[in-house]
Amino acid sequence: MAESAPLIGRDPLIAAITAFLSGQDARTLAGIRETLEREIDEAGPDALLRLGERLASARAEWDFYPADPLARAADCRRKTP
């Protein structure tokens, strides 16, 4: 069985997130980029694939969506001293 290609790549995802946060100072933005790179690499390609699938299937209406493990990992590490 062939593996599915991710719907979003590591680098385009990081670029989209950092572009959204472009109002941050350069040092903060560099730290965010490093954290994202590390977390995505540690989570592995399956986590990126699942995140892409969840983002692609999100609908326009407001609803509850359980936290994605990859997104939660990056957020939790950012808050840890």
Foldseek 3Di string as FASTA:
>chain_A
DDDDDAPDDLVVVLVVVLVVVVVDDPVVSVVLSVLSVVLDVVVDDVLRRVVRVVVVPDDDDDDDDDDRPSVVVSVVVVPDD
